[in-house]
Amino acid sequence: MRLLRFLGFLLCAFAVIAVAGDNKLGIRDVNHVKFDSIVRIGTISLPAGEYVVRHTMQGDEHVMVFQRNFSKEEFKVKCTLVPLSRKADNTQSVFHVTATNEKILQELVFRGDTAKHVF
């Protein structure tokens, strides 16, 4: 009986941990993304590389904080959250490419989220 109770407790603990990353906005607070080339987001240009991405709030504004792996340098960009009809199956980046081959990030969707980030 004690073993069943312990296993039940573990199952509940794992369930809480699994959903703890989501918040009321339908997004995880921390994600990861990789850019193969320089990407412009708003007025900021991000060098190619892997980033830890944090979604934060500054008052009523949504702000994405991109921190390059193994670096202290952060890039902050305002975004708008747009609800999705269901959880995203894949992480996806939507770019506009200019005539000079500059990549401008327009949308960012992370797997499992129910909202996308629009820049």
PDB file of N, CA and C in Angstrom:
ATOM      1  N   MET A   1       0.817  -1.193   0.000  1.00  0.00           N
ATOM      2  CA  MET A   1       0.000   0.000   0.000  1.00  0.00           C
ATOM      3  C   MET A   1       0.871   1.271   0.000  1.00  0.00           C
ATOM      4  N   ARG A   2       1.928   1.245   0.812  1.00  0.00           N
ATOM      5  CA  ARG A   2       2.823   2.405   0.852  1.00  0.00           C
ATOM      6  C   ARG A   2       3.477   2.627  -0.512  1.00  0.00           C
ATOM      7  N   LEU A   3       3.823   1.538  -1.171  1.00  0.00           N
ATOM      8  CA  LEU A   3       4.446   1.644  -2.495  1.00  0.00           C
ATOM      9  C   LEU A   3       3.491   2.290  -3.496  1.00  0.00           C
ATOM     10  N   LEU A   4       2.229   1.894  -3.478  1.00  0.00           N
ATOM     11  CA  LEU A   4       1.241   2.495  -4.387  1.00  0.00           C
ATOM     12  C   LEU A   4       1.054   3.978  -4.095  1.00  0.00           C
ATOM     13  N   ARG A   5       1.013   4.321  -2.809  1.00  0.00           N
ATOM     14  CA  ARG A   5       0.868   5.723  -2.431  1.00  0.00           C
ATOM     15  C   ARG A   5       2.083   6.530  -2.910  1.00  0.00           C
ATOM     16  N   PHE A   6       3.274   5.971  -2.726  1.00  0.00           N
ATOM     17  CA  PHE A   6       4.498   6.634  -3.175  1.00  0.00           C
ATOM     18  C   PHE A   6       4.501   6.804  -4.695  1.00  0.00           C
ATOM     19  N   LEU A   7       4.114   5.760  -5.430  1.00  0.00           N
ATOM     20  CA  LEU A   7       4.050   5.854  -6.892  1.00  0.00           C
ATOM     21  C   LEU A   7       3.013   6.887  -7.335  1.00  0.00           C
ATOM     22  N   GLY A   8       1.895   6.950  -6.652  1.00  0.00           N
ATOM     23  CA  GLY A   8       0.879   7.967  -6.946  1.00  0.00           C
ATOM     24  C   GLY A   8       1.422   9.365  -6.725  1.00  0.00           C
ATOM     25  N   PHE A   9       2.160   9.541  -5.625  1.00  0.00           N
ATOM     26  CA  PHE A   9       2.776  10.837  -5.347  1.00  0.00           C
ATOM     27  C   PHE A   9       3.768  11.215  -6.446  1.00  0.00           C
ATOM     28  N   LEU A  10       4.605  10.276  -6.873  1.00  0.00           N
ATOM     29  CA  LEU A  10       5.565  10.537  -7.945  1.00  0.00           C
ATOM     30  C   LEU A  10       4.869  10.920  -9.245  1.00  0.00           C
ATOM     31  N   LEU A  11       3.791  10.237  -9.566  1.00  0.00           N
ATOM     32  CA  LEU A  11       3.036  10.540 -10.782  1.00  0.00           C
ATOM     33  C   LEU A  11       2.484  11.961 -10.731  1.00  0.00           C
ATOM     34  N   CYS A  12       1.934  12.351  -9.603  1.00  0.00           N
ATOM     35  CA  CYS A  12       1.423  13.712  -9.447  1.00  0.00           C
ATOM     36  C   CYS A  12       2.555  14.742  -9.559  1.00  0.00           C
ATOM     37  N   ALA A  13       3.688  14.446  -8.944  1.00  0.00           N
ATOM     38  CA  ALA A  13       4.826  15.364  -8.992  1.00  0.00           C
ATOM     39  C   ALA A  13       5.313  15.553 -10.424  1.00  0.00           C
ATOM     40  N   PHE A  14       5.398  14.455 -11.191  1.00  0.00           N
ATOM     41  CA  PHE A  14       5.823  14.568 -12.587  1.00  0.00           C
ATOM     42  C   PHE A  14       4.812  15.352 -13.417  1.00  0.00           C
ATOM     43  N   ALA A  15       3.531  15.187 -13.134  1.00  0.00           N
ATOM     44  CA  ALA A  15       2.504  15.932 -13.863  1.00  0.00           C
ATOM     45  C   ALA A  15       2.622  17.427 -13.589  1.00  0.00           C
ATOM     46  N   VAL A  16       2.871  17.792 -12.340  1.00  0.00           N
ATOM     47  CA  VAL A  16       3.043  19.203 -11.989  1.00  0.00           C
ATOM     48  C   VAL A  16       4.269  19.782 -12.678  1.00  0.00           C
ATOM     49  N   ILE A  17       5.360  19.043 -12.700  1.00  0.00           N
ATOM     50  CA  ILE A  17       6.585  19.510 -13.357  1.00  0.00           C
ATOM     51  C   ILE A  17       6.355  19.668 -14.856  1.00  0.00           C
ATOM     52  N   ALA A  18       5.622  18.756 -15.460  1.00  0.00           N
ATOM     53  CA  ALA A  18       5.394  18.800 -16.905  1.00  0.00           C
ATOM     54  C   ALA A  18       4.622  20.036 -17.328  1.00  0.00           C
ATOM     55  N   VAL A  19       3.677  20.480 -16.521  1.00  0.00           N
ATOM     56  CA  VAL A  19       2.879  21.649 -16.904  1.00  0.00           C
ATOM     57  C   VAL A  19       3.387  22.930 -16.264  1.00  0.00           C
ATOM     58  N   ALA A  20       4.374  22.850 -15.393  1.00  0.00           N
ATOM     59  CA  ALA A  20       4.869  24.034 -14.700  1.00  0.00           C
ATOM     60  C   ALA A  20       5.510  25.036 -15.647  1.00  0.00           C
ATOM     61  N   GLY A  21       6.032  24.579 -16.772  1.00  0.00           N
ATOM     62  CA  GLY A  21       6.684  25.489 -17.705  1.00  0.00           C
ATOM     63  C   GLY A  21       5.713  26.368 -18.462  1.00  0.00           C
ATOM     64  N   ASP A  22       4.459  25.985 -18.580  1.00  0.00           N
ATOM     65  CA  ASP A  22       3.469  26.785 -19.285  1.00  0.00           C
ATOM     66  C   ASP A  22       2.896  27.829 -18.336  1.00  0.00           C
ATOM     67  N   ASN A  23       2.491  28.951 -18.891  1.00  0.00           N
ATOM     68  CA  ASN A  23       1.826  29.942 -18.065  1.00  0.00           C
ATOM     69  C   ASN A  23       0.477  30.276 -18.668  1.00  0.00           C
ATOM     70  N   LYS A  24      -0.211  31.225 -18.071  1.00  0.00           N
ATOM     71  CA  LYS A  24      -1.565  31.549 -18.504  1.00  0.00           C
ATOM     72  C   LYS A  24      -1.611  32.130 -19.915  1.00  0.00           C
ATOM     73  N   LEU A  25      -0.475  32.546 -20.456  1.00  0.00           N
ATOM     74  CA  LEU A  25      -0.437  33.118 -21.801  1.00  0.00           C
ATOM     75  C   LEU A  25      -0.354  32.043 -22.879  1.00  0.00           C
ATOM     76  N   GLY A  26      -0.160  30.796 -22.481  1.00  0.00           N
ATOM     77  CA  GLY A  26      -0.064  29.698 -23.443  1.00  0.00           C
ATOM     78  C   GLY A  26       1.328  29.483 -23.992  1.00  0.00           C
ATOM     79  N   ILE A  27       2.317  30.047 -23.301  1.00  0.00           N
ATOM     80  CA  ILE A  27       3.700  29.920 -23.755  1.00  0.00           C
ATOM     81  C   ILE A  27       4.591  29.523 -22.585  1.00  0.00           C
ATOM     82  N   ARG A  28       5.720  28.921 -22.908  1.00  0.00           N
ATOM     83  CA  ARG A  28       6.734  28.657 -21.888  1.00  0.00           C
ATOM     84  C   ARG A  28       7.550  29.924 -21.688  1.00  0.00           C
ATOM     85  N   ASP A  29       8.027  30.104 -20.493  1.00  0.00           N
ATOM     86  CA  ASP A  29       8.827  31.294 -20.192  1.00  0.00           C
ATOM     87  C   ASP A  29      10.217  31.236 -20.806  1.00  0.00           C
ATOM     88  N   VAL A  30      10.750  30.012 -20.991  1.00  0.00           N
ATOM     89  CA  VAL A  30      12.108  29.846 -21.519  1.00  0.00           C
ATOM     90  C   VAL A  30      12.090  28.825 -22.653  1.00  0.00           C
ATOM     91  N   ASN A  31      12.748  29.171 -23.760  1.00  0.00           N
ATOM     92  CA  ASN A  31      12.876  28.281 -24.918  1.00  0.00           C
ATOM     93  C   ASN A  31      14.274  28.419 -25.496  1.00  0.00           C
ATOM     94  N   HIS A  32      14.527  27.680 -26.559  1.00  0.00           N
ATOM     95  CA  HIS A  32      15.811  27.737 -27.252  1.00  0.00           C
ATOM     96  C   HIS A  32      15.550  27.857 -28.742  1.00  0.00           C
ATOM     97  N   VAL A  33      16.417  28.629 -29.417  1.00  0.00           N
ATOM     98  CA  VAL A  33      16.303  28.786 -30.863  1.00  0.00           C
ATOM     99  C   VAL A  33      17.701  28.925 -31.450  1.00  0.00           C
ATOM    100  N   LYS A  34      17.849  28.492 -32.708  1.00  0.00           N
ATOM    101  CA  LYS A  34      19.130  28.592 -33.392  1.00  0.00           C
ATOM    102  C   LYS A  34      18.923  29.312 -34.720  1.00  0.00           C
ATOM    103  N   PHE A  35      19.787  30.285 -34.996  1.00  0.00           N
ATOM    104  CA  PHE A  35      19.771  30.999 -36.266  1.00  0.00           C
ATOM    105  C   PHE A  35      21.064  30.679 -37.007  1.00  0.00           C
ATOM    106  N   ASP A  36      20.942  30.281 -38.278  1.00  0.00           N
ATOM    107  CA  ASP A  36      22.110  29.900 -39.077  1.00  0.00           C
ATOM    108  C   ASP A  36      22.818  31.092 -39.706  1.00  0.00           C
ATOM    109  N   SER A  37      22.169  32.243 -39.684  1.00  0.00           N
ATOM    110  CA  SER A  37      22.778  33.458 -40.238  1.00  0.00           C
ATOM    111  C   SER A  37      22.307  34.648 -39.403  1.00  0.00           C
ATOM    112  N   ILE A  38      22.842  35.826 -39.711  1.00  0.00           N
ATOM    113  CA  ILE A  38      22.427  37.037 -39.003  1.00  0.00           C
ATOM    114  C   ILE A  38      20.937  37.249 -39.233  1.00  0.00           C
ATOM    115  N   VAL A  39      20.220  37.588 -38.161  1.00  0.00           N
ATOM    116  CA  VAL A  39      18.775  37.799 -38.231  1.00  0.00           C
ATOM    117  C   VAL A  39      18.459  39.148 -37.603  1.00  0.00           C
ATOM    118  N   ARG A  40      17.609  39.904 -38.283  1.00  0.00           N
ATOM    119  CA  ARG A  40      17.164  41.174 -37.708  1.00  0.00           C
ATOM    120  C   ARG A  40      15.789  40.967 -37.096  1.00  0.00           C
ATOM    121  N   ILE A  41      15.630  41.470 -35.878  1.00  0.00           N
ATOM    122  CA  ILE A  41      14.339  41.452 -35.196  1.00  0.00           C
ATOM    123  C   ILE A  41      14.079  42.883 -34.762  1.00  0.00           C
ATOM    124  N   GLY A  42      13.117  43.522 -35.399  1.00  0.00           N
ATOM    125  CA  GLY A  42      12.878  44.941 -35.118  1.00  0.00           C
ATOM    126  C   GLY A  42      14.100  45.733 -35.512  1.00  0.00           C
ATOM    127  N   THR A  43      14.681  46.450 -34.560  1.00  0.00           N
ATOM    128  CA  THR A  43      15.864  47.276 -34.844  1.00  0.00           C
ATOM    129  C   THR A  43      17.162  46.589 -34.446  1.00  0.00           C
ATOM    130  N   ILE A  44      17.069  45.356 -33.962  1.00  0.00           N
ATOM    131  CA  ILE A  44      18.243  44.643 -33.456  1.00  0.00           C
ATOM    132  C   ILE A  44      18.673  43.556 -34.436  1.00  0.00           C
ATOM    133  N   SER A  45      19.978  43.435 -34.648  1.00  0.00           N
ATOM    134  CA  SER A  45      20.521  42.340 -35.458  1.00  0.00           C
ATOM    135  C   SER A  45      21.182  41.328 -34.537  1.00  0.00           C
ATOM    136  N   LEU A  46      20.753  40.073 -34.658  1.00  0.00           N
ATOM    137  CA  LEU A  46      21.331  39.002 -33.857  1.00  0.00           C
ATOM    138  C   LEU A  46      22.343  38.237 -34.691  1.00  0.00           C
ATOM    139  N   PRO A  47      23.541  38.017 -34.164  1.00  0.00           N
ATOM    140  CA  PRO A  47      24.507  37.182 -34.880  1.00  0.00           C
ATOM    141  C   PRO A  47      24.007  35.740 -34.960  1.00  0.00           C
ATOM    142  N   ALA A  48      24.489  35.004 -35.942  1.00  0.00           N
ATOM    143  CA  ALA A  48      24.147  33.584 -36.055  1.00  0.00           C
ATOM    144  C   ALA A  48      24.559  32.882 -34.771  1.00  0.00           C
ATOM    145  N   GLY A  49      23.788  31.881 -34.377  1.00  0.00           N
ATOM    146  CA  GLY A  49      24.127  31.116 -33.186  1.00  0.00           C
ATOM    147  C   GLY A  49      22.906  30.576 -32.488  1.00  0.00           C
ATOM    148  N   GLU A  50      23.152  29.942 -31.351  1.00  0.00           N
ATOM    149  CA  GLU A  50      22.086  29.371 -30.534  1.00  0.00           C
ATOM    150  C   GLU A  50      21.784  30.329 -29.387  1.00  0.00           C
ATOM    151  N   TYR A  51      20.487  30.464 -29.084  1.00  0.00           N
ATOM    152  CA  TYR A  51      20.037  31.408 -28.072  1.00  0.00           C
ATOM    153  C   TYR A  51      19.079  30.755 -27.082  1.00  0.00           C
ATOM    154  N   VAL A  52      19.182  31.194 -25.838  1.00  0.00           N
ATOM    155  CA  VAL A  52      18.149  30.930 -24.847  1.00  0.00           C
ATOM    156  C   VAL A  52      17.202  32.112 -24.969  1.00  0.00           C
ATOM    157  N   VAL A  53      15.912  31.829 -25.085  1.00  0.00           N
ATOM    158  CA  VAL A  53      14.919  32.884 -25.273  1.00  0.00           C
ATOM    159  C   VAL A  53      13.987  32.892 -24.070  1.00  0.00           C
ATOM    160  N   ARG A  54      13.882  34.056 -23.444  1.00  0.00           N
ATOM    161  CA  ARG A  54      12.987  34.213 -22.297  1.00  0.00           C
ATOM    162  C   ARG A  54      11.896  35.208 -22.656  1.00  0.00           C
ATOM    163  N   HIS A  55      10.684  34.865 -22.281  1.00  0.00           N
ATOM    164  CA  HIS A  55       9.568  35.787 -22.472  1.00  0.00           C
ATOM    165  C   HIS A  55       9.338  36.485 -21.146  1.00  0.00           C
ATOM    166  N   THR A  56       9.394  37.808 -21.155  1.00  0.00           N
ATOM    167  CA  THR A  56       9.200  38.580 -19.927  1.00  0.00           C
ATOM    168  C   THR A  56       8.131  39.647 -20.168  1.00  0.00           C
ATOM    169  N   MET A  57       7.717  40.252 -19.104  1.00  0.00           N
ATOM    170  CA  MET A  57       6.758  41.351 -19.179  1.00  0.00           C
ATOM    171  C   MET A  57       7.425  42.601 -18.615  1.00  0.00           C
ATOM    172  N   GLN A  58       7.235  43.716 -19.316  1.00  0.00           N
ATOM    173  CA  GLN A  58       7.656  45.016 -18.806  1.00  0.00           C
ATOM    174  C   GLN A  58       6.401  45.866 -18.794  1.00  0.00           C
ATOM    175  N   GLY A  59       5.751  45.892 -17.638  1.00  0.00           N
ATOM    176  CA  GLY A  59       4.436  46.524 -17.549  1.00  0.00           C
ATOM    177  C   GLY A  59       3.445  45.683 -18.323  1.00  0.00           C
ATOM    178  N   ASP A  60       2.775  46.286 -19.300  1.00  0.00           N
ATOM    179  CA  ASP A  60       1.820  45.561 -20.143  1.00  0.00           C
ATOM    180  C   ASP A  60       2.450  45.053 -21.428  1.00  0.00           C
ATOM    181  N   GLU A  61       3.733  45.308 -21.636  1.00  0.00           N
ATOM    182  CA  GLU A  61       4.393  44.931 -22.885  1.00  0.00           C
ATOM    183  C   GLU A  61       5.083  43.574 -22.768  1.00  0.00           C
ATOM    184  N   HIS A  62       4.955  42.785 -23.828  1.00  0.00           N
ATOM    185  CA  HIS A  62       5.642  41.499 -23.918  1.00  0.00           C
ATOM    186  C   HIS A  62       7.027  41.746 -24.505  1.00  0.00           C
ATOM    187  N   VAL A  63       8.039  41.172 -23.877  1.00  0.00           N
ATOM    188  CA  VAL A  63       9.413  41.367 -24.328  1.00  0.00           C
ATOM    189  C   VAL A  63      10.103  40.007 -24.407  1.00  0.00           C
ATOM    190  N   MET A  64      10.745  39.755 -25.553  1.00  0.00           N
ATOM    191  CA  MET A  64      11.554  38.550 -25.724  1.00  0.00           C
ATOM    192  C   MET A  64      13.009  38.939 -25.451  1.00  0.00           C
ATOM    193  N   VAL A  65      13.673  38.140 -24.623  1.00  0.00           N
ATOM    194  CA  VAL A  65      15.080  38.372 -24.309  1.00  0.00           C
ATOM    195  C   VAL A  65      15.872  37.218 -24.913  1.00  0.00           C
ATOM    196  N   PHE A  66      16.724  37.532 -25.876  1.00  0.00           N
ATOM    197  CA  PHE A  66      17.566  36.549 -26.551  1.00  0.00           C
ATOM    198  C   PHE A  66      18.955  36.623 -25.930  1.00  0.00           C
ATOM    199  N   GLN A  67      19.418  35.514 -25.361  1.00  0.00           N
ATOM    200  CA  GLN A  67      20.762  35.464 -24.784  1.00  0.00           C
ATOM    201  C   GLN A  67      21.537  34.368 -25.502  1.00  0.00           C
ATOM    202  N   ARG A  68      22.602  34.779 -26.154  1.00  0.00           N
ATOM    203  CA  ARG A  68      23.424  33.830 -26.900  1.00  0.00           C
ATOM    204  C   ARG A  68      24.048  32.835 -25.946  1.00  0.00           C
ATOM    205  N   ASN A  69      24.031  31.553 -26.323  1.00  0.00           N
ATOM    206  CA  ASN A  69      24.618  30.518 -25.465  1.00  0.00           C
ATOM    207  C   ASN A  69      26.062  30.857 -25.131  1.00  0.00           C
ATOM    208  N   PHE A  70      26.416  30.644 -23.885  1.00  0.00           N
ATOM    209  CA  PHE A  70      27.776  30.866 -23.380  1.00  0.00           C
ATOM    210  C   PHE A  70      28.192  32.332 -23.432  1.00  0.00           C
ATOM    211  N   SER A  71      27.225  33.236 -23.367  1.00  0.00           N
ATOM    212  CA  SER A  71      27.521  34.662 -23.385  1.00  0.00           C
ATOM    213  C   SER A  71      26.580  35.374 -22.419  1.00  0.00           C
ATOM    214  N   LYS A  72      27.016  36.500 -21.911  1.00  0.00           N
ATOM    215  CA  LYS A  72      26.183  37.312 -21.019  1.00  0.00           C
ATOM    216  C   LYS A  72      25.376  38.347 -21.802  1.00  0.00           C
ATOM    217  N   GLU A  73      25.710  38.521 -23.087  1.00  0.00           N
ATOM    218  CA  GLU A  73      25.057  39.547 -23.898  1.00  0.00           C
ATOM    219  C   GLU A  73      23.602  39.191 -24.157  1.00  0.00           C
ATOM    220  N   GLU A  74      22.704  40.153 -23.924  1.00  0.00           N
ATOM    221  CA  GLU A  74      21.272  39.965 -24.140  1.00  0.00           C
ATOM    222  C   GLU A  74      20.749  40.956 -25.165  1.00  0.00           C
ATOM    223  N   PHE A  75      19.752  40.502 -25.920  1.00  0.00           N
ATOM    224  CA  PHE A  75      19.078  41.342 -26.897  1.00  0.00           C
ATOM    225  C   PHE A  75      17.599  41.332 -26.550  1.00  0.00           C
ATOM    226  N   LYS A  76      16.991  42.500 -26.337  1.00  0.00           N
ATOM    227  CA  LYS A  76      15.579  42.591 -25.948  1.00  0.00           C
ATOM    228  C   LYS A  76      14.757  43.153 -27.104  1.00  0.00           C
ATOM    229  N   VAL A  77      13.625  42.476 -27.370  1.00  0.00           N
ATOM    230  CA  VAL A  77      12.755  42.871 -28.476  1.00  0.00           C
ATOM    231  C   VAL A  77      11.306  42.758 -28.014  1.00  0.00           C
ATOM    232  N   LYS A  78      10.510  43.779 -28.297  1.00  0.00           N
ATOM    233  CA  LYS A  78       9.083  43.724 -27.981  1.00  0.00           C
ATOM    234  C   LYS A  78       8.382  42.792 -28.958  1.00  0.00           C
ATOM    235  N   CYS A  79       7.354  42.101 -28.463  1.00  0.00           N
ATOM    236  CA  CYS A  79       6.585  41.213 -29.325  1.00  0.00           C
ATOM    237  C   CYS A  79       5.107  41.294 -28.962  1.00  0.00           C
ATOM    238  N   THR A  80       4.286  40.729 -29.828  1.00  0.00           N
ATOM    239  CA  THR A  80       2.855  40.608 -29.588  1.00  0.00           C
ATOM    240  C   THR A  80       2.520  39.128 -29.603  1.00  0.00           C
ATOM    241  N   LEU A  81       1.742  38.678 -28.629  1.00  0.00           N
ATOM    242  CA  LEU A  81       1.304  37.290 -28.602  1.00  0.00           C
ATOM    243  C   LEU A  81       0.001  37.153 -29.370  1.00  0.00           C
ATOM    244  N   VAL A  82      -0.035  36.187 -30.265  1.00  0.00           N
ATOM    245  CA  VAL A  82      -1.239  35.901 -31.049  1.00  0.00           C
ATOM    246  C   VAL A  82      -1.625  34.444 -30.767  1.00  0.00           C
ATOM    247  N   PRO A  83      -2.849  34.215 -30.266  1.00  0.00           N
ATOM    248  CA  PRO A  83      -3.266  32.843 -29.947  1.00  0.00           C
ATOM    249  C   PRO A  83      -3.297  31.950 -31.189  1.00  0.00           C
ATOM    250  N   LEU A  84      -2.918  30.688 -30.978  1.00  0.00           N
ATOM    251  CA  LEU A  84      -3.014  29.668 -32.023  1.00  0.00           C
ATOM    252  C   LEU A  84      -4.277  28.846 -31.777  1.00  0.00           C
ATOM    253  N   SER A  85      -4.778  28.189 -32.797  1.00  0.00           N
ATOM    254  CA  SER A  85      -5.987  27.389 -32.650  1.00  0.00           C
ATOM    255  C   SER A  85      -5.739  26.113 -31.840  1.00  0.00           C
ATOM    256  N   ARG A  86      -4.469  25.670 -31.807  1.00  0.00           N
ATOM    257  CA  ARG A  86      -4.097  24.489 -31.019  1.00  0.00           C
ATOM    258  C   ARG A  86      -2.609  24.570 -30.719  1.00  0.00           C
ATOM    259  N   LYS A  87      -2.119  23.642 -29.897  1.00  0.00           N
ATOM    260  CA  LYS A  87      -0.697  23.629 -29.559  1.00  0.00           C
ATOM    261  C   LYS A  87       0.141  23.434 -30.812  1.00  0.00           C
ATOM    262  N   ALA A  88       1.237  24.157 -30.883  1.00  0.00           N
ATOM    263  CA  ALA A  88       2.139  24.051 -32.029  1.00  0.00           C
ATOM    264  C   ALA A  88       2.851  22.706 -32.011  1.00  0.00           C
ATOM    265  N   ASP A  89       2.854  22.043 -33.158  1.00  0.00           N
ATOM    266  CA  ASP A  89       3.521  20.746 -33.283  1.00  0.00           C
ATOM    267  C   ASP A  89       5.032  20.882 -33.394  1.00  0.00           C
ATOM    268  N   ASN A  90       5.494  22.009 -33.945  1.00  0.00           N
ATOM    269  CA  ASN A  90       6.925  22.209 -34.197  1.00  0.00           C
ATOM    270  C   ASN A  90       7.326  23.641 -33.870  1.00  0.00           C
ATOM    271  N   THR A  91       8.609  23.820 -33.599  1.00  0.00           N
ATOM    272  CA  THR A  91       9.153  25.169 -33.478  1.00  0.00           C
ATOM    273  C   THR A  91       9.323  25.713 -34.890  1.00  0.00           C
ATOM    274  N   GLN A  92       8.937  26.971 -35.076  1.00  0.00           N
ATOM    275  CA  GLN A  92       8.925  27.526 -36.430  1.00  0.00           C
ATOM    276  C   GLN A  92       9.291  29.010 -36.384  1.00  0.00           C
ATOM    277  N   SER A  93      10.118  29.425 -37.328  1.00  0.00           N
ATOM    278  CA  SER A  93      10.484  30.827 -37.498  1.00  0.00           C
ATOM    279  C   SER A  93      10.004  31.279 -38.869  1.00  0.00           C
ATOM    280  N   VAL A  94       9.338  32.434 -38.917  1.00  0.00           N
ATOM    281  CA  VAL A  94       8.859  32.992 -40.179  1.00  0.00           C
ATOM    282  C   VAL A  94       9.655  34.263 -40.458  1.00  0.00           C
ATOM    283  N   PHE A  95      10.313  34.284 -41.607  1.00  0.00           N
ATOM    284  CA  PHE A  95      11.176  35.399 -41.983  1.00  0.00           C
ATOM    285  C   PHE A  95      10.658  36.110 -43.219  1.00  0.00           C
ATOM    286  N   HIS A  96      11.014  37.384 -43.320  1.00  0.00           N
ATOM    287  CA  HIS A  96      10.898  38.136 -44.571  1.00  0.00           C
ATOM    288  C   HIS A  96      12.341  38.334 -45.037  1.00  0.00           C
ATOM    289  N   VAL A  97      12.623  38.001 -46.282  1.00  0.00           N
ATOM    290  CA  VAL A  97      13.965  38.165 -46.819  1.00  0.00           C
ATOM    291  C   VAL A  97      13.949  39.348 -47.786  1.00  0.00           C
ATOM    292  N   THR A  98      14.810  40.327 -47.533  1.00  0.00           N
ATOM    293  CA  THR A  98      14.853  41.522 -48.362  1.00  0.00           C
ATOM    294  C   THR A  98      15.629  41.261 -49.647  1.00  0.00           C
ATOM    295  N   ALA A  99      15.625  42.239 -50.536  1.00  0.00           N
ATOM    296  CA  ALA A  99      16.340  42.133 -51.806  1.00  0.00           C
ATOM    297  C   ALA A  99      17.849  41.985 -51.587  1.00  0.00           C
ATOM    298  N   THR A 100      18.332  42.466 -50.450  1.00  0.00           N
ATOM    299  CA  THR A 100      19.761  42.346 -50.140  1.00  0.00           C
ATOM    300  C   THR A 100      20.056  41.102 -49.305  1.00  0.00           C
ATOM    301  N   ASN A 101      19.115  40.167 -49.265  1.00  0.00           N
ATOM    302  CA  ASN A 101      19.240  38.890 -48.554  1.00  0.00           C
ATOM    303  C   ASN A 101      19.277  39.029 -47.033  1.00  0.00           C
ATOM    304  N   GLU A 102      18.775  40.128 -46.506  1.00  0.00           N
ATOM    305  CA  GLU A 102      18.695  40.297 -45.062  1.00  0.00           C
ATOM    306  C   GLU A 102      17.461  39.556 -44.549  1.00  0.00           C
ATOM    307  N   LYS A 103      17.647  38.738 -43.515  1.00  0.00           N
ATOM    308  CA  LYS A 103      16.536  37.983 -42.929  1.00  0.00           C
ATOM    309  C   LYS A 103      15.945  38.779 -41.775  1.00  0.00           C
ATOM    310  N   ILE A 104      14.647  39.043 -41.870  1.00  0.00           N
ATOM    311  CA  ILE A 104      13.938  39.772 -40.824  1.00  0.00           C
ATOM    312  C   ILE A 104      12.917  38.825 -40.206  1.00  0.00           C
ATOM    313  N   LEU A 105      13.076  38.561 -38.907  1.00  0.00           N
ATOM    314  CA  LEU A 105      12.161  37.654 -38.217  1.00  0.00           C
ATOM    315  C   LEU A 105      10.822  38.336 -38.008  1.00  0.00           C
ATOM    316  N   GLN A 106       9.745  37.674 -38.461  1.00  0.00           N
ATOM    317  CA  GLN A 106       8.406  38.222 -38.304  1.00  0.00           C
ATOM    318  C   GLN A 106       7.604  37.479 -37.241  1.00  0.00           C
ATOM    319  N   GLU A 107       7.775  36.156 -37.177  1.00  0.00           N
ATOM    320  CA  GLU A 107       7.041  35.341 -36.204  1.00  0.00           C
ATOM    321  C   GLU A 107       7.943  34.252 -35.657  1.00  0.00           C
ATOM    322  N   LEU A 108       7.662  33.878 -34.422  1.00  0.00           N
ATOM    323  CA  LEU A 108       8.388  32.796 -33.781  1.00  0.00           C
ATOM    324  C   LEU A 108       7.376  31.959 -33.002  1.00  0.00           C
ATOM    325  N   VAL A 109       7.343  30.661 -33.310  1.00  0.00           N
ATOM    326  CA  VAL A 109       6.426  29.731 -32.649  1.00  0.00           C
ATOM    327  C   VAL A 109       7.266  28.617 -32.042  1.00  0.00           C
ATOM    328  N   PHE A 110       7.002  28.304 -30.783  1.00  0.00           N
ATOM    329  CA  PHE A 110       7.722  27.236 -30.115  1.00  0.00           C
ATOM    330  C   PHE A 110       6.812  26.024 -29.935  1.00  0.00           C
ATOM    331  N   ARG A 111       7.365  24.858 -30.186  1.00  0.00           N
ATOM    332  CA  ARG A 111       6.619  23.601 -30.060  1.00  0.00           C
ATOM    333  C   ARG A 111       5.945  23.512 -28.696  1.00  0.00           C
ATOM    334  N   GLY A 112       4.660  23.179 -28.693  1.00  0.00           N
ATOM    335  CA  GLY A 112       3.913  23.010 -27.454  1.00  0.00           C
ATOM    336  C   GLY A 112       3.203  24.255 -26.963  1.00  0.00           C
ATOM    337  N   ASP A 113       3.551  25.428 -27.511  1.00  0.00           N
ATOM    338  CA  ASP A 113       2.888  26.670 -27.104  1.00  0.00           C
ATOM    339  C   ASP A 113       1.548  26.827 -27.811  1.00  0.00           C
ATOM    340  N   THR A 114       0.656  27.613 -27.220  1.00  0.00           N
ATOM    341  CA  THR A 114      -0.646  27.875 -27.837  1.00  0.00           C
ATOM    342  C   THR A 114      -0.766  29.331 -28.289  1.00  0.00           C
ATOM    343  N   ALA A 115       0.374  30.002 -28.367  1.00  0.00           N
ATOM    344  CA  ALA A 115       0.414  31.376 -28.882  1.00  0.00           C
ATOM    345  C   ALA A 115       1.735  31.552 -29.627  1.00  0.00           C
ATOM    346  N   LYS A 116       1.726  32.444 -30.628  1.00  0.00           N
ATOM    347  CA  LYS A 116       2.959  32.742 -31.364  1.00  0.00           C
ATOM    348  C   LYS A 116       3.404  34.164 -31.045  1.00  0.00           C
ATOM    349  N   HIS A 117       4.697  34.401 -31.210  1.00  0.00           N
ATOM    350  CA  HIS A 117       5.297  35.716 -30.981  1.00  0.00           C
ATOM    351  C   HIS A 117       5.399  36.414 -32.330  1.00  0.00           C
ATOM    352  N   VAL A 118       4.816  37.598 -32.450  1.00  0.00           N
ATOM    353  CA  VAL A 118       4.857  38.361 -33.696  1.00  0.00           C
ATOM    354  C   VAL A 118       5.642  39.640 -33.426  1.00  0.00           C
ATOM    355  N   PHE A 119       6.585  39.930 -34.322  1.00  0.00           N
ATOM    356  CA  PHE A 119       7.463  41.097 -34.160  1.00  0.00           C
ATOM    357  C   PHE A 119       7.113  42.175 -35.167  1.00  0.00           C
TER     358      PHE A 119
END
